[in-house]
Amino acid sequence: MRFDLVEVIWNDATTLDGWSDKDESLVPCLVTSVGFLVQQTKDYIVLAQDLAHDGERCGRGQIPRGMVKRIKVLRKKNDR
């Protein structure tokens, strides 16, 4: 395994559709994502859902760092 397998707890953005004549407060949606941590910068992290034997990745998602509440390593990468 070339990357750490992680669990990320983060606040996703929310929206309201349709017309309204009153103020409605939006509450962030707390999300749990599990994947391979394939990239991280000071601004965002990237998780991949799948890894091929040759290192190709599929099902990638980028999460802004400001939305991340916690990252927990479930399994450390193999440094082979």
Protein backbone atom coordinates (compact mmCIF):
# COMPACT_ATOMS: atom_id res chain seq x y z
CA MET A 1 0.00 0.00 0.00
CA ARG A 2 1.55 3.28 -1.13
CA PHE A 3 -0.68 5.63 0.87
CA ASP A 4 -2.18 5.82 4.35
CA LEU A 5 -5.78 4.66 4.64
CA VAL A 6 -7.58 7.38 6.61
CA GLU A 7 -10.92 8.39 8.06
CA VAL A 8 -11.69 12.10 7.66
CA ILE A 9 -14.41 13.90 9.62
CA TRP A 10 -15.32 17.16 7.88
CA ASN A 11 -18.04 19.79 7.47
CA ASP A 12 -19.54 19.76 3.97
CA ALA A 13 -21.19 22.83 2.48
CA THR A 14 -24.99 22.95 2.37
CA THR A 15 -27.52 24.85 0.25
CA LEU A 16 -31.23 25.62 0.22
CA ASP A 17 -33.12 25.57 -3.07
CA GLY A 18 -36.29 27.43 -3.90
CA TRP A 19 -37.83 30.73 -2.89
CA SER A 20 -38.36 31.76 0.72
CA ASP A 21 -39.68 34.87 2.45
CA LYS A 22 -37.88 34.18 5.73
CA ASP A 23 -34.28 33.81 6.84
CA GLU A 24 -33.29 30.20 7.22
CA SER A 25 -30.03 29.22 8.85
CA LEU A 26 -27.86 26.65 7.14
CA VAL A 27 -26.02 24.14 9.27
CA PRO A 28 -22.94 22.37 7.84
CA CYS A 29 -23.37 18.68 7.19
CA LEU A 30 -20.89 16.60 9.21
CA VAL A 31 -19.45 13.93 6.90
CA THR A 32 -17.21 10.89 7.43
CA SER A 33 -15.06 9.88 4.45
CA VAL A 34 -12.68 6.92 4.26
CA GLY A 35 -10.01 6.63 1.58
CA PHE A 36 -6.35 6.65 0.64
CA LEU A 37 -4.65 9.95 1.44
CA VAL A 38 -2.93 10.54 -1.91
CA GLN A 39 -2.13 14.24 -1.55
CA GLN A 40 -2.11 16.92 1.11
CA THR A 41 -1.21 20.60 1.00
CA LYS A 42 -1.75 23.47 3.40
CA ASP A 43 -5.03 24.20 1.58
CA TYR A 44 -6.58 20.78 0.91
CA ILE A 45 -6.34 16.99 1.12
CA VAL A 46 -7.14 14.48 -1.64
CA LEU A 47 -8.61 11.06 -0.94
CA ALA A 48 -8.79 8.24 -3.48
CA GLN A 49 -11.42 5.55 -3.30
CA ASP A 50 -9.46 2.93 -5.24
CA LEU A 51 -5.79 2.13 -5.90
CA ALA A 52 -4.51 -0.12 -8.68
CA HIS A 53 -1.41 -2.32 -8.31
CA ASP A 54 0.56 0.11 -10.53
CA GLY A 55 -0.30 3.16 -8.41
CA GLU A 56 -3.14 4.56 -10.53
CA ARG A 57 -5.99 6.08 -8.52
CA CYS A 58 -9.73 6.28 -9.07
CA GLY A 59 -12.59 8.08 -7.33
CA ARG A 60 -10.65 11.08 -6.03
CA GLY A 61 -12.16 13.82 -3.88
CA GLN A 62 -10.63 17.06 -2.65
CA ILE A 63 -11.56 18.44 0.79
CA PRO A 64 -10.53 21.98 1.77
CA ARG A 65 -8.42 21.98 4.97
CA GLY A 66 -10.71 24.56 6.57
CA MET A 67 -13.56 22.03 6.48
CA VAL A 68 -11.55 19.16 8.04
CA LYS A 69 -12.30 18.48 11.71
CA ARG A 70 -10.15 15.34 12.18
CA ILE A 71 -7.99 12.88 10.25
CA LYS A 72 -7.46 9.44 11.75
CA VAL A 73 -4.99 6.99 10.20
CA LEU A 74 -6.64 3.56 9.96
CA ARG A 75 -3.69 1.81 8.31
CA LYS A 76 -0.19 3.13 7.63
CA LYS A 77 1.30 2.91 4.16
CA ASN A 78 3.92 0.29 3.36
CA ASP A 79 7.21 1.93 2.44
CA ARG A 80 8.15 -0.73 -0.09
